[in-house]
Protein backbone atom coordinates (compact mmCIF):
# COMPACT_ATOMS: atom_id res chain seq x y z
CA UNK A 1 0.00 0.00 0.00
CA UNK A 2 1.22 3.48 -0.80
CA UNK A 3 -0.27 6.90 -0.18
CA UNK A 4 -2.28 7.78 -3.26
CA UNK A 5 -3.69 11.15 -2.42
CA UNK A 6 -2.83 13.81 0.17
CA UNK A 7 -5.56 16.15 1.38
CA UNK A 8 -4.94 19.06 3.73
CA UNK A 9 -7.87 20.09 5.88
CA UNK A 10 -8.70 23.05 8.12
CA UNK A 11 -6.88 21.56 11.12
CA UNK A 12 -3.59 21.57 9.15
CA UNK A 13 -3.54 17.79 9.06
CA UNK A 14 -2.38 16.17 5.84
CA UNK A 15 -4.59 13.16 5.14
CA UNK A 16 -3.35 10.19 3.09
CA UNK A 17 -5.70 7.85 1.29
CA UNK A 18 -4.61 4.31 0.55
CA UNK A 19 -3.60 3.31 -2.96
CA UNK A 20 -6.08 0.42 -2.45
CA UNK A 21 -8.94 2.92 -2.30
CA UNK A 22 -11.26 2.83 -5.28
CA UNK A 23 -11.66 6.05 -7.25
CA UNK A 24 -15.44 5.87 -6.88
CA UNK A 25 -15.45 6.75 -3.16
CA UNK A 26 -15.70 3.17 -1.98
CA UNK A 27 -15.06 1.92 1.49
CA UNK A 28 -11.73 3.28 2.65
CA UNK A 29 -10.09 5.21 5.43
CA UNK A 30 -7.61 8.06 5.45
CA UNK A 31 -4.87 8.67 7.99
CA UNK A 32 -3.04 11.80 9.11
CA UNK A 33 0.19 11.38 11.07
CA UNK A 34 1.56 13.72 13.72
CA UNK A 35 4.66 13.03 15.83
CA UNK A 36 2.78 11.28 18.66
CA UNK A 37 -0.68 10.68 17.16
CA UNK A 38 -2.27 8.98 14.16
CA UNK A 39 -5.74 10.23 13.14
CA UNK A 40 -8.14 8.05 11.16
CA UNK A 41 -11.34 9.05 9.33
CA UNK A 42 -13.80 7.65 6.81
CA UNK A 43 -12.84 8.84 3.32
CA UNK A 44 -16.53 9.16 2.38
CA UNK A 45 -17.29 11.44 5.34
CA UNK A 46 -14.26 13.67 5.85
CA UNK A 47 -16.15 15.98 8.21
CA UNK A 48 -17.48 13.11 10.32
CA UNK A 49 -16.06 11.38 13.37
CA UNK A 50 -12.32 10.81 13.67
CA UNK A 51 -10.37 8.37 15.76
CA UNK A 52 -6.98 9.22 17.25
CA UNK A 53 -4.35 6.74 18.39
CA UNK A 54 -0.98 7.04 20.04
CA UNK A 55 2.02 5.95 17.97
CA UNK A 56 2.63 2.68 19.86
CA UNK A 57 -0.97 1.36 19.61
CA UNK A 58 -1.03 2.29 15.91
CA UNK A 59 2.21 0.40 15.22
CA UNK A 60 0.80 -2.62 17.08
CA UNK A 61 -2.40 -2.47 14.99
CA UNK A 62 -0.50 -2.20 11.68
CA UNK A 63 1.78 -5.10 12.66
CA UNK A 64 -1.27 -7.21 13.57
CA UNK A 65 -3.12 -6.29 10.36
CA UNK A 66 -0.03 -7.14 8.30
CA UNK A 67 0.26 -10.51 10.03
CA UNK A 68 3.66 -9.78 11.57
C-alpha atoms as a PDB file:
ATOM      1  CA  UNK A   1       0.000   0.000   0.000  1.00  0.00           C
ATOM      2  CA  UNK A   2       1.216   3.479  -0.804  1.00  0.00           C
ATOM      3  CA  UNK A   3      -0.266   6.898  -0.182  1.00  0.00           C
ATOM      4  CA  UNK A   4      -2.277   7.780  -3.262  1.00  0.00           C
ATOM      5  CA  UNK A   5      -3.686  11.154  -2.416  1.00  0.00           C
ATOM      6  CA  UNK A   6      -2.834  13.805   0.166  1.00  0.00           C
ATOM      7  CA  UNK A   7      -5.564  16.147   1.380  1.00  0.00           C
ATOM      8  CA  UNK A   8      -4.939  19.058   3.726  1.00  0.00           C
ATOM      9  CA  UNK A   9      -7.867  20.088   5.881  1.00  0.00           C
ATOM     10  CA  UNK A  10      -8.702  23.047   8.125  1.00  0.00           C
ATOM     11  CA  UNK A  11      -6.876  21.559  11.116  1.00  0.00           C
ATOM     12  CA  UNK A  12      -3.590  21.572   9.150  1.00  0.00           C
ATOM     13  CA  UNK A  13      -3.536  17.790   9.062  1.00  0.00           C
ATOM     14  CA  UNK A  14      -2.385  16.172   5.837  1.00  0.00           C
ATOM     15  CA  UNK A  15      -4.594  13.162   5.144  1.00  0.00           C
ATOM     16  CA  UNK A  16      -3.352  10.194   3.087  1.00  0.00           C
ATOM     17  CA  UNK A  17      -5.695   7.852   1.288  1.00  0.00           C
ATOM     18  CA  UNK A  18      -4.608   4.306   0.547  1.00  0.00           C
ATOM     19  CA  UNK A  19      -3.599   3.306  -2.962  1.00  0.00           C
ATOM     20  CA  UNK A  20      -6.076   0.424  -2.449  1.00  0.00           C
ATOM     21  CA  UNK A  21      -8.937   2.922  -2.301  1.00  0.00           C
ATOM     22  CA  UNK A  22     -11.260   2.833  -5.276  1.00  0.00           C
ATOM     23  CA  UNK A  23     -11.665   6.048  -7.247  1.00  0.00           C
ATOM     24  CA  UNK A  24     -15.441   5.874  -6.877  1.00  0.00           C
ATOM     25  CA  UNK A  25     -15.447   6.753  -3.162  1.00  0.00           C
ATOM     26  CA  UNK A  26     -15.704   3.166  -1.982  1.00  0.00           C
ATOM     27  CA  UNK A  27     -15.064   1.920   1.494  1.00  0.00           C
ATOM     28  CA  UNK A  28     -11.729   3.282   2.646  1.00  0.00           C
ATOM     29  CA  UNK A  29     -10.092   5.214   5.434  1.00  0.00           C
ATOM     30  CA  UNK A  30      -7.612   8.059   5.446  1.00  0.00           C
ATOM     31  CA  UNK A  31      -4.869   8.672   7.989  1.00  0.00           C
ATOM     32  CA  UNK A  32      -3.041  11.799   9.113  1.00  0.00           C
ATOM     33  CA  UNK A  33       0.193  11.384  11.069  1.00  0.00           C
ATOM     34  CA  UNK A  34       1.556  13.719  13.717  1.00  0.00           C
ATOM     35  CA  UNK A  35       4.659  13.027  15.828  1.00  0.00           C
ATOM     36  CA  UNK A  36       2.776  11.281  18.663  1.00  0.00           C
ATOM     37  CA  UNK A  37      -0.678  10.677  17.160  1.00  0.00           C
ATOM     38  CA  UNK A  38      -2.270   8.985  14.158  1.00  0.00           C
ATOM     39  CA  UNK A  39      -5.736  10.234  13.143  1.00  0.00           C
ATOM     40  CA  UNK A  40      -8.143   8.049  11.165  1.00  0.00           C
ATOM     41  CA  UNK A  41     -11.336   9.049   9.326  1.00  0.00           C
ATOM     42  CA  UNK A  42     -13.799   7.653   6.811  1.00  0.00           C
ATOM     43  CA  UNK A  43     -12.840   8.843   3.324  1.00  0.00           C
ATOM     44  CA  UNK A  44     -16.535   9.155   2.384  1.00  0.00           C
ATOM     45  CA  UNK A  45     -17.290  11.443   5.343  1.00  0.00           C
ATOM     46  CA  UNK A  46     -14.257  13.668   5.849  1.00  0.00           C
ATOM     47  CA  UNK A  47     -16.149  15.979   8.213  1.00  0.00           C
ATOM     48  CA  UNK A  48     -17.476  13.111  10.320  1.00  0.00           C
ATOM     49  CA  UNK A  49     -16.062  11.377  13.369  1.00  0.00           C
ATOM     50  CA  UNK A  50     -12.323  10.815  13.668  1.00  0.00           C
ATOM     51  CA  UNK A  51     -10.369   8.373  15.756  1.00  0.00           C
ATOM     52  CA  UNK A  52      -6.980   9.220  17.250  1.00  0.00           C
ATOM     53  CA  UNK A  53      -4.350   6.737  18.388  1.00  0.00           C
ATOM     54  CA  UNK A  54      -0.976   7.044  20.044  1.00  0.00           C
ATOM     55  CA  UNK A  55       2.016   5.948  17.975  1.00  0.00           C
ATOM     56  CA  UNK A  56       2.629   2.677  19.864  1.00  0.00           C
ATOM     57  CA  UNK A  57      -0.966   1.363  19.608  1.00  0.00           C
ATOM     58  CA  UNK A  58      -1.032   2.294  15.906  1.00  0.00           C
ATOM     59  CA  UNK A  59       2.206   0.404  15.216  1.00  0.00           C
ATOM     60  CA  UNK A  60       0.800  -2.620  17.084  1.00  0.00           C
ATOM     61  CA  UNK A  61      -2.399  -2.469  14.985  1.00  0.00           C
ATOM     62  CA  UNK A  62      -0.499  -2.205  11.681  1.00  0.00           C
ATOM     63  CA  UNK A  63       1.778  -5.099  12.658  1.00  0.00           C
ATOM     64  CA  UNK A  64      -1.269  -7.208  13.573  1.00  0.00           C
ATOM     65  CA  UNK A  65      -3.121  -6.291  10.360  1.00  0.00           C
ATOM     66  CA  UNK A  66      -0.026  -7.139   8.302  1.00  0.00           C
ATOM     67  CA  UNK A  67       0.264 -10.508  10.031  1.00  0.00           C
ATOM     68  CA  UNK A  68       3.662  -9.777  11.569  1.00  0.00           C
END
